[in-house]
Amino acid sequence: MPAGTAIRLRPRQLQWLLRLFAVGLFFAAGYHLVAIFNGAPSVGRHALFVAINLVFACGFLRPWPGFAVLVAVLCVQQFLSHGGTLVRVLRTENRLDWPSVVVLITMPLALAVTVLDARRRRATSRTEV
């Protein structure tokens, strides 16, 4: 693909990707929920991420105005957290932390899809007025 070529996604493709990200977040919430019931040392942290994952999963299913901004904030937080974990595990254990790799790949994609969907929604609402 030549430089400067835009990727165009149809509304149906955007919806499919948003649903896929929601499913991933439901699984992440389940992971944190299992950790709580398996006696993880930081129950409060896991409970917080259960709530965050569920809120964002619902947001991907039914995005509200400004949702893309929250996804951007979450993306930054995840890069700081999982990026640090990835580097630390790589240095100390000489292995990849695969959950961090997955998060670091999917979060920018989720942000891009969310922004594209927000633009599409804004353009659609302008044409309906």
Foldseek 3Di string as FASTA:
>chain_A
DDPPDDDDDDPVRLLVVLLVLLVVLCVLLVVLVVCLVVPPPCNVVSVVSNVVSNVSSVCSNPPDPPNLVVLVVVLVVLCVVLVVVQVVCCVPVVDGPVVSVVSNVVSVVSSVSVVVVNVVVVVVVVVVD
